C-alpha atoms as a PDB file:
ATOM      1  CA  MET A   1     118.459 126.486  94.706  1.00  0.00           C
ATOM      2  CA  ASN A   2     119.382 130.135  94.904  1.00  0.00           C
ATOM      3  CA  LEU A   3     116.389 132.461  94.816  1.00  0.00           C
ATOM      4  CA  GLU A   4     117.147 135.409  92.556  1.00  0.00           C
ATOM      5  CA  ALA A   5     115.309 138.477  91.330  1.00  0.00           C
ATOM      6  CA  GLY A   6     113.595 137.854  88.028  1.00  0.00           C
ATOM      7  CA  GLN A   7     112.873 134.193  88.621  1.00  0.00           C
ATOM      8  CA  VAL A   8     109.251 133.159  88.143  1.00  0.00           C
ATOM      9  CA  ALA A   9     107.319 131.406  90.907  1.00  0.00           C
ATOM     10  CA  VAL A  10     103.901 129.842  90.318  1.00  0.00           C
ATOM     11  CA  VAL A  11     101.771 129.360  93.452  1.00  0.00           C
ATOM     12  CA  THR A  12      98.360 127.688  93.594  1.00  0.00           C
ATOM     13  CA  GLY A  13      96.046 128.380  96.506  1.00  0.00           C
ATOM     14  CA  ALA A  14      97.747 131.767  96.573  1.00  0.00           C
ATOM     15  CA  ALA A  15      94.851 133.926  97.794  1.00  0.00           C
ATOM     16  CA  SER A  16      95.245 133.072 101.475  1.00  0.00           C
ATOM     17  CA  GLY A  17      97.171 131.121 104.092  1.00  0.00           C
ATOM     18  CA  LEU A  18     100.505 129.534 103.263  1.00  0.00           C
ATOM     19  CA  GLY A  19     100.064 130.172  99.543  1.00  0.00           C
ATOM     20  CA  ARG A  20      99.735 133.921 100.010  1.00  0.00           C
ATOM     21  CA  ALA A  21     102.578 133.992 102.519  1.00  0.00           C
ATOM     22  CA  LEU A  22     104.862 132.188 100.070  1.00  0.00           C
ATOM     23  CA  ALA A  23     103.849 134.532  97.243  1.00  0.00           C
ATOM     24  CA  GLU A  24     104.716 137.505  99.455  1.00  0.00           C
ATOM     25  CA  SER A  25     108.032 135.936 100.480  1.00  0.00           C
ATOM     26  CA  PHE A  26     109.004 135.369  96.857  1.00  0.00           C
ATOM     27  CA  ALA A  27     107.984 138.914  95.951  1.00  0.00           C
ATOM     28  CA  ALA A  28     110.137 140.324  98.741  1.00  0.00           C
ATOM     29  CA  ARG A  29     113.122 138.609  97.114  1.00  0.00           C
ATOM     30  CA  GLY A  30     112.351 140.082  93.706  1.00  0.00           C
ATOM     31  CA  LEU A  31     110.731 137.036  92.151  1.00  0.00           C
ATOM     32  CA  VAL A  32     107.851 137.378  89.710  1.00  0.00           C
ATOM     33  CA  GLY A  33     104.650 135.780  90.990  1.00  0.00           C
ATOM     34  CA  VAL A  34     102.083 133.885  88.958  1.00  0.00           C
ATOM     35  CA  LEU A  35      99.334 133.386  91.504  1.00  0.00           C
ATOM     36  CA  ALA A  36      96.429 130.997  91.085  1.00  0.00           C
ATOM     37  CA  ASP A  37      93.351 130.388  93.195  1.00  0.00           C
ATOM     38  CA  VAL A  38      89.728 129.358  92.779  1.00  0.00           C
ATOM     39  CA  GLU A  39      88.599 132.504  94.650  1.00  0.00           C
ATOM     40  CA  ALA A  40      88.901 135.314  92.115  1.00  0.00           C
ATOM     41  CA  GLY A  41      88.177 138.188  94.535  1.00  0.00           C
ATOM     42  CA  PRO A  42      90.750 137.333  97.219  1.00  0.00           C
ATOM     43  CA  LEU A  43      93.218 136.434  94.472  1.00  0.00           C
ATOM     44  CA  ALA A  44      92.905 139.887  92.926  1.00  0.00           C
ATOM     45  CA  GLU A  45      93.369 141.472  96.363  1.00  0.00           C
ATOM     46  CA  THR A  46      96.535 139.435  96.947  1.00  0.00           C
ATOM     47  CA  VAL A  47      97.966 140.435  93.572  1.00  0.00           C
ATOM     48  CA  ALA A  48      97.194 144.111  94.272  1.00  0.00           C
ATOM     49  CA  ALA A  49      98.865 143.937  97.681  1.00  0.00           C
ATOM     50  CA  ILE A  50     102.011 142.452  96.162  1.00  0.00           C
ATOM     51  CA  GLU A  51     102.068 144.948  93.292  1.00  0.00           C
ATOM     52  CA  ALA A  52     101.775 147.763  95.832  1.00  0.00           C
ATOM     53  CA  THR A  53     105.198 146.750  97.152  1.00  0.00           C
ATOM     54  CA  GLY A  54     106.719 147.274  93.696  1.00  0.00           C
ATOM     55  CA  ALA A  55     106.939 143.570  92.881  1.00  0.00           C
ATOM     56  CA  THR A  56     105.520 141.950  89.754  1.00  0.00           C
ATOM     57  CA  ALA A  57     102.593 139.554  90.076  1.00  0.00           C
ATOM     58  CA  ILE A  58      99.657 138.369  88.008  1.00  0.00           C
ATOM     59  CA  GLY A  59      96.570 136.449  89.057  1.00  0.00           C
ATOM     60  CA  VAL A  60      95.189 133.523  87.071  1.00  0.00           C
ATOM     61  CA  PRO A  61      91.893 132.195  88.474  1.00  0.00           C
ATOM     62  CA  THR A  62      92.351 128.428  88.410  1.00  0.00           C
ATOM     63  CA  ASP A  63      90.483 125.392  89.679  1.00  0.00           C
ATOM     64  CA  VAL A  64      93.206 122.786  90.063  1.00  0.00           C
ATOM     65  CA  ARG A  65      90.603 120.016  89.851  1.00  0.00           C
ATOM     66  CA  PHE A  66      90.759 120.400  86.098  1.00  0.00           C
ATOM     67  CA  ALA A  67      93.844 119.463  84.118  1.00  0.00           C
ATOM     68  CA  ASP A  68      92.999 121.881  81.311  1.00  0.00           C
ATOM     69  CA  GLN A  69      92.932 124.823  83.719  1.00  0.00           C
ATOM     70  CA  VAL A  70      96.343 123.918  85.146  1.00  0.00           C
ATOM     71  CA  ASP A  71      97.643 123.481  81.596  1.00  0.00           C
ATOM     72  CA  ALA A  72      96.310 126.971  80.842  1.00  0.00           C
ATOM     73  CA  LEU A  73      98.090 128.288  83.939  1.00  0.00           C
ATOM     74  CA  ALA A  74     101.380 126.885  82.621  1.00  0.00           C
ATOM     75  CA  ALA A  75     100.741 128.280  79.143  1.00  0.00           C
ATOM     76  CA  THR A  76      99.967 131.734  80.557  1.00  0.00           C
ATOM     77  CA  THR A  77     103.139 131.672  82.642  1.00  0.00           C
ATOM     78  CA  LEU A  78     105.389 130.759  79.719  1.00  0.00           C
ATOM     79  CA  LYS A  79     103.693 133.117  77.276  1.00  0.00           C
ATOM     80  CA  ARG A  80     103.903 136.073  79.655  1.00  0.00           C
ATOM     81  CA  PHE A  81     107.326 135.501  81.212  1.00  0.00           C
ATOM     82  CA  GLY A  82     109.057 132.883  79.068  1.00  0.00           C
ATOM     83  CA  ARG A  83     110.225 130.811  82.034  1.00  0.00           C
ATOM     84  CA  VAL A  84     109.217 129.072  85.226  1.00  0.00           C
ATOM     85  CA  ASP A  85     111.578 128.430  88.124  1.00  0.00           C
ATOM     86  CA  ILE A  86     109.493 127.455  91.154  1.00  0.00           C
ATOM     87  CA  VAL A  87     106.157 125.652  91.182  1.00  0.00           C
ATOM     88  CA  VAL A  88     104.193 125.508  94.434  1.00  0.00           C
ATOM     89  CA  ASN A  89     101.299 123.052  94.342  1.00  0.00           C
ATOM     90  CA  ASN A  90      99.605 124.366  97.464  1.00  0.00           C
ATOM     91  CA  ALA A  91      95.835 124.462  96.837  1.00  0.00           C
ATOM     92  CA  GLY A  92      93.982 122.267  99.324  1.00  0.00           C
ATOM     93  CA  ILE A  93      90.657 121.712 101.047  1.00  0.00           C
ATOM     94  CA  MET A  94      89.216 119.768 103.999  1.00  0.00           C
ATOM     95  CA  PRO A  95      85.653 118.444 103.537  1.00  0.00           C
ATOM     96  CA  GLY A  96      84.605 118.417 107.188  1.00  0.00           C
ATOM     97  CA  MET A  97      85.315 115.947 109.976  1.00  0.00           C
ATOM     98  CA  GLY A  98      83.880 112.668 111.152  1.00  0.00           C
ATOM     99  CA  PRO A  99      84.235 108.894 110.840  1.00  0.00           C
ATOM    100  CA  MET A 100      85.420 107.914 107.387  1.00  0.00           C
ATOM    101  CA  TRP A 101      82.186 106.145 106.506  1.00  0.00           C
ATOM    102  CA  ILE A 102      80.042 109.281 106.762  1.00  0.00           C
ATOM    103  CA  PHE A 103      81.709 111.010 103.833  1.00  0.00           C
ATOM    104  CA  GLU A 104      79.732 110.923 100.629  1.00  0.00           C
ATOM    105  CA  GLU A 105      81.039 110.203  97.152  1.00  0.00           C
ATOM    106  CA  ASN A 106      81.074 113.917  96.350  1.00  0.00           C
ATOM    107  CA  ASP A 107      83.250 114.575  99.414  1.00  0.00           C
ATOM    108  CA  TRP A 108      85.791 112.054  98.184  1.00  0.00           C
ATOM    109  CA  GLU A 109      85.685 113.390  94.639  1.00  0.00           C
ATOM    110  CA  TRP A 110      86.240 116.959  95.808  1.00  0.00           C
ATOM    111  CA  VAL A 111      89.133 116.284  98.158  1.00  0.00           C
ATOM    112  CA  LEU A 112      90.855 113.836  95.800  1.00  0.00           C
ATOM    113  CA  SER A 113      90.501 116.165  92.832  1.00  0.00           C
ATOM    114  CA  VAL A 114      91.906 119.207  94.665  1.00  0.00           C
ATOM    115  CA  ASN A 115      94.426 117.830  97.144  1.00  0.00           C
ATOM    116  CA  LEU A 116      95.886 114.986  95.119  1.00  0.00           C
ATOM    117  CA  ARG A 117      94.996 115.271  91.448  1.00  0.00           C
ATOM    118  CA  GLY A 118      95.617 119.020  91.651  1.00  0.00           C
ATOM    119  CA  VAL A 119      99.235 118.256  92.553  1.00  0.00           C
ATOM    120  CA  VAL A 120      99.430 115.654  89.791  1.00  0.00           C
ATOM    121  CA  HIS A 121      98.161 118.240  87.302  1.00  0.00           C
ATOM    122  CA  GLY A 122     100.781 120.721  88.492  1.00  0.00           C
ATOM    123  CA  ILE A 123     103.581 118.204  88.102  1.00  0.00           C
ATOM    124  CA  ARG A 124     102.457 117.136  84.649  1.00  0.00           C
ATOM    125  CA  ALA A 125     101.981 120.721  83.418  1.00  0.00           C
ATOM    126  CA  PHE A 126     105.160 122.299  84.788  1.00  0.00           C
ATOM    127  CA  VAL A 127     107.859 119.724  85.521  1.00  0.00           C
ATOM    128  CA  PRO A 128     108.639 118.990  81.845  1.00  0.00           C
ATOM    129  CA  HIS A 129     109.621 122.655  81.490  1.00  0.00           C
ATOM    130  CA  LEU A 130     111.835 122.485  84.576  1.00  0.00           C
ATOM    131  CA  VAL A 131     113.476 119.306  83.276  1.00  0.00           C
ATOM    132  CA  ALA A 132     114.034 120.864  79.837  1.00  0.00           C
ATOM    133  CA  GLN A 133     115.824 123.866  81.354  1.00  0.00           C
ATOM    134  CA  GLY A 134     117.720 121.618  83.752  1.00  0.00           C
ATOM    135  CA  LYS A 135     116.936 123.482  86.949  1.00  0.00           C
ATOM    136  CA  GLY A 136     114.114 124.621  89.219  1.00  0.00           C
ATOM    137  CA  HIS A 137     112.185 123.533  92.276  1.00  0.00           C
ATOM    138  CA  VAL A 138     108.800 121.960  93.028  1.00  0.00           C
ATOM    139  CA  VAL A 139     107.012 122.487  96.346  1.00  0.00           C
ATOM    140  CA  ASN A 140     104.016 120.298  97.215  1.00  0.00           C
ATOM    141  CA  THR A 141     101.944 121.051 100.298  1.00  0.00           C
ATOM    142  CA  ALA A 142     100.960 118.013 102.362  1.00  0.00           C
ATOM    143  CA  SER A 143     100.345 118.004 106.131  1.00  0.00           C
ATOM    144  CA  MET A 144     101.346 116.279 109.333  1.00  0.00           C
ATOM    145  CA  ALA A 145      98.238 114.255 108.455  1.00  0.00           C
ATOM    146  CA  GLY A 146     100.365 112.952 105.576  1.00  0.00           C
ATOM    147  CA  VAL A 147     102.955 111.358 107.854  1.00  0.00           C
ATOM    148  CA  SER A 148     100.787 110.346 110.822  1.00  0.00           C
ATOM    149  CA  VAL A 149      97.282 108.996 111.347  1.00  0.00           C
ATOM    150  CA  ALA A 150      94.549 111.510 112.101  1.00  0.00           C
ATOM    151  CA  PRO A 151      91.131 110.389 113.374  1.00  0.00           C
ATOM    152  CA  GLY A 152      88.133 112.053 111.800  1.00  0.00           C
ATOM    153  CA  LEU A 153      90.065 113.266 108.749  1.00  0.00           C
ATOM    154  CA  GLY A 154      89.902 110.173 106.528  1.00  0.00           C
ATOM    155  CA  PRO A 155      89.605 111.763 103.061  1.00  0.00           C
ATOM    156  CA  TYR A 156      92.019 114.586 103.895  1.00  0.00           C
ATOM    157  CA  MET A 157      94.543 112.167 105.415  1.00  0.00           C
ATOM    158  CA  VAL A 158      94.434 109.883 102.366  1.00  0.00           C
ATOM    159  CA  THR A 159      95.223 112.752  99.998  1.00  0.00           C
ATOM    160  CA  LYS A 160      98.027 114.134 102.121  1.00  0.00           C
ATOM    161  CA  HIS A 161      99.694 110.722 102.426  1.00  0.00           C
ATOM    162  CA  GLY A 162      99.418 110.599  98.644  1.00  0.00           C
ATOM    163  CA  VAL A 163     101.120 113.979  98.251  1.00  0.00           C
ATOM    164  CA  VAL A 164     104.033 112.808 100.401  1.00  0.00           C
ATOM    165  CA  ALA A 165     104.470 109.635  98.324  1.00  0.00           C
ATOM    166  CA  LEU A 166     104.063 111.592  95.098  1.00  0.00           C
ATOM    167  CA  SER A 167     106.751 114.069  96.153  1.00  0.00           C
ATOM    168  CA  GLU A 168     109.202 111.384  97.221  1.00  0.00           C
ATOM    169  CA  GLY A 169     108.659 109.529  93.957  1.00  0.00           C
ATOM    170  CA  LEU A 170     109.105 112.722  91.934  1.00  0.00           C
ATOM    171  CA  ALA A 171     112.384 113.444  93.723  1.00  0.00           C
ATOM    172  CA  ALA A 172     113.598 109.933  92.900  1.00  0.00           C
ATOM    173  CA  ASP A 173     112.613 110.306  89.233  1.00  0.00           C
ATOM    174  CA  LEU A 174     114.380 113.652  88.947  1.00  0.00           C
ATOM    175  CA  ALA A 175     117.527 112.270  90.573  1.00  0.00           C
ATOM    176  CA  LEU A 176     117.534 109.385  88.089  1.00  0.00           C
ATOM    177  CA  ALA A 177     117.124 111.872  85.239  1.00  0.00           C
ATOM    178  CA  GLY A 178     120.191 113.733  86.489  1.00  0.00           C
ATOM    179  CA  VAL A 179     118.632 117.195  86.403  1.00  0.00           C
ATOM    180  CA  ASP A 180     119.048 119.897  89.023  1.00  0.00           C
ATOM    181  CA  VAL A 181     115.357 120.141  89.893  1.00  0.00           C
ATOM    182  CA  GLY A 182     114.626 119.948  93.596  1.00  0.00           C
ATOM    183  CA  VAL A 183     111.492 118.848  95.437  1.00  0.00           C
ATOM    184  CA  THR A 184     110.156 119.882  98.835  1.00  0.00           C
ATOM    185  CA  VAL A 185     107.080 118.364 100.435  1.00  0.00           C
ATOM    186  CA  VAL A 186     105.679 120.566 103.197  1.00  0.00           C
ATOM    187  CA  CYS A 187     103.992 118.833 106.145  1.00  0.00           C
ATOM    188  CA  PRO A 188     102.732 121.667 108.355  1.00  0.00           C
ATOM    189  CA  GLY A 189     101.342 121.294 111.806  1.00  0.00           C
ATOM    190  CA  GLY A 190      98.639 123.737 112.845  1.00  0.00           C
ATOM    191  CA  MET A 191      98.589 127.039 110.991  1.00  0.00           C
ATOM    192  CA  ALA A 192      96.343 130.068 111.266  1.00  0.00           C
ATOM    193  CA  THR A 193      94.543 129.603 107.930  1.00  0.00           C
ATOM    194  CA  ASN A 194      90.956 129.256 106.766  1.00  0.00           C
ATOM    195  CA  ILE A 195      91.165 125.649 105.532  1.00  0.00           C
ATOM    196  CA  THR A 196      88.493 124.599 108.039  1.00  0.00           C
ATOM    197  CA  THR A 197      86.034 126.850 106.190  1.00  0.00           C
ATOM    198  CA  ALA A 198      86.748 125.237 102.826  1.00  0.00           C
ATOM    199  CA  GLU A 199      83.037 124.511 102.343  1.00  0.00           C
ATOM    200  CA  ARG A 200      82.704 128.096 101.137  1.00  0.00           C
ATOM    201  CA  ASN A 201      84.355 126.901  97.928  1.00  0.00           C
ATOM    202  CA  ARG A 202      82.531 123.595  97.491  1.00  0.00           C
ATOM    203  CA  PRO A 203      81.755 123.155  93.773  1.00  0.00           C
ATOM    204  CA  VAL A 204      78.077 123.330  92.892  1.00  0.00           C
ATOM    205  CA  ASP A 205      78.459 120.110  90.938  1.00  0.00           C
ATOM    206  CA  LEU A 206      79.563 118.210  94.067  1.00  0.00           C
ATOM    207  CA  PRO A 207      76.829 118.858  96.669  1.00  0.00           C
ATOM    208  CA  VAL A 208      76.389 116.778  99.834  1.00  0.00           C
ATOM    209  CA  SER A 209      73.675 116.360 102.430  1.00  0.00           C
ATOM    210  CA  PRO A 210      73.648 119.002 105.214  1.00  0.00           C
ATOM    211  CA  ARG A 211      75.638 117.916 108.273  1.00  0.00           C
ATOM    212  CA  GLU A 212      77.527 119.255 111.257  1.00  0.00           C
ATOM    213  CA  TRP A 213      81.093 118.439 112.234  1.00  0.00           C
ATOM    214  CA  ASP A 214      81.090 115.385 114.484  1.00  0.00           C
ATOM    215  CA  PRO A 215      81.779 116.518 118.107  1.00  0.00           C
ATOM    216  CA  LYS A 216      83.640 113.330 119.005  1.00  0.00           C
ATOM    217  CA  SER A 217      85.853 113.705 115.945  1.00  0.00           C
ATOM    218  CA  VAL A 218      86.661 117.252 117.023  1.00  0.00           C
ATOM    219  CA  GLU A 219      87.780 115.913 120.423  1.00  0.00           C
ATOM    220  CA  TRP A 220      89.907 113.257 118.728  1.00  0.00           C
ATOM    221  CA  LEU A 221      91.404 115.855 116.422  1.00  0.00           C
ATOM    222  CA  ILE A 222      92.404 118.100 119.320  1.00  0.00           C
ATOM    223  CA  GLU A 223      94.090 115.167 121.049  1.00  0.00           C
ATOM    224  CA  TRP A 224      95.903 114.133 117.856  1.00  0.00           C
ATOM    225  CA  MET A 225      97.000 117.706 117.140  1.00  0.00           C
ATOM    226  CA  SER A 226      98.662 117.866 120.549  1.00  0.00           C
ATOM    227  CA  THR A 227     100.961 115.013 119.460  1.00  0.00           C
ATOM    228  CA  VAL A 228     101.895 116.374 116.030  1.00  0.00           C
ATOM    229  CA  SER A 229     101.774 120.158 116.289  1.00  0.00           C
ATOM    230  CA  GLY A 230     102.560 123.150 118.429  1.00  0.00           C
ATOM    231  CA  PRO A 231     100.124 126.074 118.773  1.00  0.00           C
ATOM    232  CA  ASP A 232      98.979 127.501 115.437  1.00  0.00           C
ATOM    233  CA  MET A 233     101.840 129.053 113.491  1.00  0.00           C
ATOM    234  CA  ALA A 234     101.483 132.201 111.406  1.00  0.00           C
ATOM    235  CA  PRO A 235     101.636 131.407 107.660  1.00  0.00           C
ATOM    236  CA  GLU A 236     104.433 133.954 107.279  1.00  0.00           C
ATOM    237  CA  ASP A 237     106.605 131.997 109.711  1.00  0.00           C
ATOM    238  CA  ALA A 238     105.837 128.738 107.907  1.00  0.00           C
ATOM    239  CA  ALA A 239     106.672 130.359 104.566  1.00  0.00           C
ATOM    240  CA  ALA A 240     110.100 131.397 105.846  1.00  0.00           C
ATOM    241  CA  ILE A 241     110.818 127.760 106.717  1.00  0.00           C
ATOM    242  CA  VAL A 242     109.695 126.604 103.276  1.00  0.00           C
ATOM    243  CA  VAL A 243     111.852 129.197 101.521  1.00  0.00           C
ATOM    244  CA  GLN A 244     114.848 128.004 103.522  1.00  0.00           C
ATOM    245  CA  ALA A 245     114.052 124.416 102.471  1.00  0.00           C
ATOM    246  CA  ILE A 246     114.002 125.477  98.813  1.00  0.00           C
ATOM    247  CA  GLU A 247     117.350 127.218  99.164  1.00  0.00           C
ATOM    248  CA  ASN A 248     118.900 124.190 100.865  1.00  0.00           C
ATOM    249  CA  ASP A 249     117.194 121.567  98.661  1.00  0.00           C
ATOM    250  CA  ILE A 250     115.481 119.809 101.582  1.00  0.00           C
ATOM    251  CA  LEU A 251     112.922 117.177 100.605  1.00  0.00           C
ATOM    252  CA  HIS A 252     110.858 117.025 103.805  1.00  0.00           C
ATOM    253  CA  VAL A 253     109.959 120.032 105.937  1.00  0.00           C
ATOM    254  CA  ALA A 254     107.396 120.260 108.728  1.00  0.00           C
ATOM    255  CA  PRO A 255     106.699 123.824 109.895  1.00  0.00           C
ATOM    256  CA  ASN A 256     105.276 123.571 113.410  1.00  0.00           C
ATOM    257  CA  GLY A 257     105.282 119.770 113.240  1.00  0.00           C
ATOM    258  CA  LEU A 258     106.249 117.703 116.285  1.00  0.00           C
ATOM    259  CA  ARG A 259     108.296 114.518 116.136  1.00  0.00           C
ATOM    260  CA  SER A 260     106.150 112.628 118.649  1.00  0.00           C
ATOM    261  CA  GLY A 261     103.198 111.819 116.386  1.00  0.00           C
ATOM    262  CA  LEU A 262     105.439 110.602 113.589  1.00  0.00           C
ATOM    263  CA  GLN A 263     107.522 108.566 116.001  1.00  0.00           C
ATOM    264  CA  GLN A 264     104.433 106.807 117.396  1.00  0.00           C
ATOM    265  CA  ARG A 265     103.327 105.887 113.879  1.00  0.00           C
ATOM    266  CA  LEU A 266     106.765 104.549 112.880  1.00  0.00           C
ATOM    267  CA  GLU A 267     107.170 102.554 116.079  1.00  0.00           C
ATOM    268  CA  SER A 268     103.768 100.917 115.554  1.00  0.00           C
ATOM    269  CA  LEU A 269     104.559 100.164 111.915  1.00  0.00           C
ATOM    270  CA  LEU A 270     107.978  98.672 112.645  1.00  0.00           C
ATOM    271  CA  SER A 271     106.608  96.634 115.541  1.00  0.00           C
ATOM    272  CA  ASP A 272     103.768  95.139 113.474  1.00  0.00           C
ATOM    273  CA  LEU A 273     105.898  94.413 110.417  1.00  0.00           C
ATOM    274  CA  GLY A 274     108.704  93.024 112.538  1.00  0.00           C
ATOM    275  CA  ARG A 275     106.364  90.516 114.155  1.00  0.00           C
ATOM    276  CA  SER A 276     104.592  89.477 111.009  1.00  0.00           C
ATOM    277  CA  TYR A 277     106.618  89.936 107.857  1.00  0.00           C
ATOM    278  CA  CYS A 278     110.107  91.345 108.265  1.00  0.00           C
ATOM    279  CA  PRO A 279     112.420  89.267 110.476  1.00  0.00           C
END
């Protein structure tokens, strides 16, 4: 897909990290930005920074947990600009670390509702418009934890595997429909973002018991990260890779991801299935 001035890009989780970096990258190319985030203050600051460059952007405070709010985001976009060209379902959280069994029901509800159902809401609200106009692009943010197995990140890992499957299935559906709507699923390695402080945005209706991050899980995470990621990448560098993937219609992209972790997972999978089920 060619990125052109005047196109409209919707980005969730746009107030910081990869979302903000993508919004700024689109703005630099003359695209109009419709930026959404649950944090109204940082969202307003991001919009102001983009407008200061001469680009056009609006902020729409949105909690992607709720389908009606994502529907309202789509309605605002179409009412204000009359079109949508790129949809980036990027909002995501990480509800701490530890063995999977320590996470409470509210942890699971929060991470599933943001990381997975938030993407579902974005697809349902926006893709029909892309299909109707016959062109566009969808970007869904997953993680290297969506294509490999991460200890101590059970709920997060489950949602990111889901985003990968969701994206691959969406790409297959769009190909069958014969429309020129591309899909990119982003599986970043380590990035310099504030996702590890996501508890600052925990909904008041989903409280959990006080707890600390499990030290052993932190050790496991560091070891796992060494197999799937290089040193933390700047979001701006990751955004440049994602933009290139959009322009070249690449389905899978892994900014800062390493092949080794994925290769270990595939070798284990093929070995087990080969012995047991698939001659």
